[in-house]
Amino acid sequence: MPRRDVAHCKGCGKHRDEVGLLSWTRLCRYCAVERVTENVVGLATMSGYPLERWRRGMAASVGGVLLDDVPDDE
């Protein structure tokens, strides 16, 4: 459902008159497609930020944290 109260895309910063209506998450259709593509490619190739977000979510779903996120005790 489009938002009519937001004027600028939070991804590219363009005005809604340039890119059309913005989504509920305040993204234009071009930024939304770019983010979905980045997410799908990242999960398919098991790389990048989408993979890290997925790993953290999986650990959190069972009450854990990643070892990468635990601070070193010195």
Protein backbone atom coordinates (compact mmCIF):
# COMPACT_ATOMS: atom_id res chain seq x y z
CA MET A 1 0.00 0.00 0.00
CA PRO A 2 1.55 3.32 -1.02
CA ARG A 3 2.27 6.08 1.44
CA ARG A 4 1.12 9.53 0.41
CA ASP A 5 2.55 11.28 3.48
CA VAL A 6 6.22 10.63 2.60
CA ALA A 7 7.86 12.79 -0.07
CA HIS A 8 11.34 11.28 -0.52
CA CYS A 9 12.62 7.73 -1.02
CA LYS A 10 14.85 6.64 1.86
CA GLY A 11 17.04 4.67 -0.55
CA CYS A 12 17.88 7.16 -3.28
CA GLY A 13 16.44 10.38 -1.85
CA LYS A 14 14.43 11.22 -4.98
CA HIS A 15 11.07 12.96 -4.68
CA ARG A 16 7.92 10.95 -5.30
CA ASP A 17 7.14 13.17 -8.30
CA GLU A 18 10.25 11.72 -10.00
CA VAL A 19 9.83 8.05 -9.07
CA GLY A 20 6.13 7.59 -8.38
CA LEU A 21 4.43 6.48 -5.19
CA LEU A 22 6.56 5.21 -2.31
CA SER A 23 5.95 1.96 -0.48
CA TRP A 24 5.04 1.70 3.18
CA THR A 25 8.74 1.23 3.93
CA ARG A 26 9.41 4.57 2.14
CA LEU A 27 11.16 3.03 -0.87
CA CYS A 28 10.56 3.78 -4.54
CA ARG A 29 10.01 0.80 -6.84
CA TYR A 30 13.58 0.99 -8.17
CA CYS A 31 15.20 0.86 -4.72
CA ALA A 32 12.80 -1.89 -3.62
CA VAL A 33 13.72 -4.07 -6.60
CA GLU A 34 17.42 -3.39 -6.00
CA ARG A 35 17.17 -4.45 -2.35
CA VAL A 36 15.20 -7.60 -3.14
CA THR A 37 17.71 -8.54 -5.83
CA GLU A 38 20.63 -7.95 -3.46
CA ASN A 39 18.96 -10.10 -0.82
CA VAL A 40 18.13 -12.98 -3.18
CA VAL A 41 21.61 -13.01 -4.73
CA GLY A 42 23.28 -12.77 -1.31
CA LEU A 43 21.33 -15.71 0.07
CA ALA A 44 21.78 -17.78 -3.08
CA THR A 45 25.54 -17.25 -3.10
CA MET A 46 25.80 -17.34 0.71
CA SER A 47 27.67 -14.03 0.87
CA GLY A 48 27.43 -10.44 2.04
CA TYR A 49 25.10 -8.66 4.40
CA PRO A 50 22.05 -10.86 3.63
CA LEU A 51 23.97 -13.92 4.82
CA GLU A 52 25.08 -12.19 8.03
CA ARG A 53 21.52 -11.07 8.76
CA TRP A 54 20.27 -14.63 8.13
CA ARG A 55 22.94 -16.15 10.41
CA ARG A 56 22.11 -13.73 13.24
CA GLY A 57 18.40 -14.44 12.85
CA MET A 58 18.91 -18.19 12.93
CA ALA A 59 21.06 -17.94 16.07
CA ALA A 60 18.55 -15.62 17.74
CA SER A 61 15.66 -17.97 16.93
CA VAL A 62 17.15 -20.55 19.31
CA GLY A 63 18.29 -18.01 21.90
CA GLY A 64 21.93 -17.82 20.83
CA VAL A 65 24.39 -15.30 19.45
CA LEU A 66 27.15 -15.62 16.90
CA LEU A 67 30.68 -16.04 18.17
CA ASP A 68 31.61 -13.11 15.94
CA ASP A 69 29.37 -10.87 18.09
CA VAL A 70 30.81 -11.91 21.47
CA PRO A 71 33.36 -9.37 22.75
CA ASP A 72 36.86 -10.62 23.48
CA ASP A 73 37.78 -10.71 27.18
CA GLU A 74 41.27 -9.41 27.62
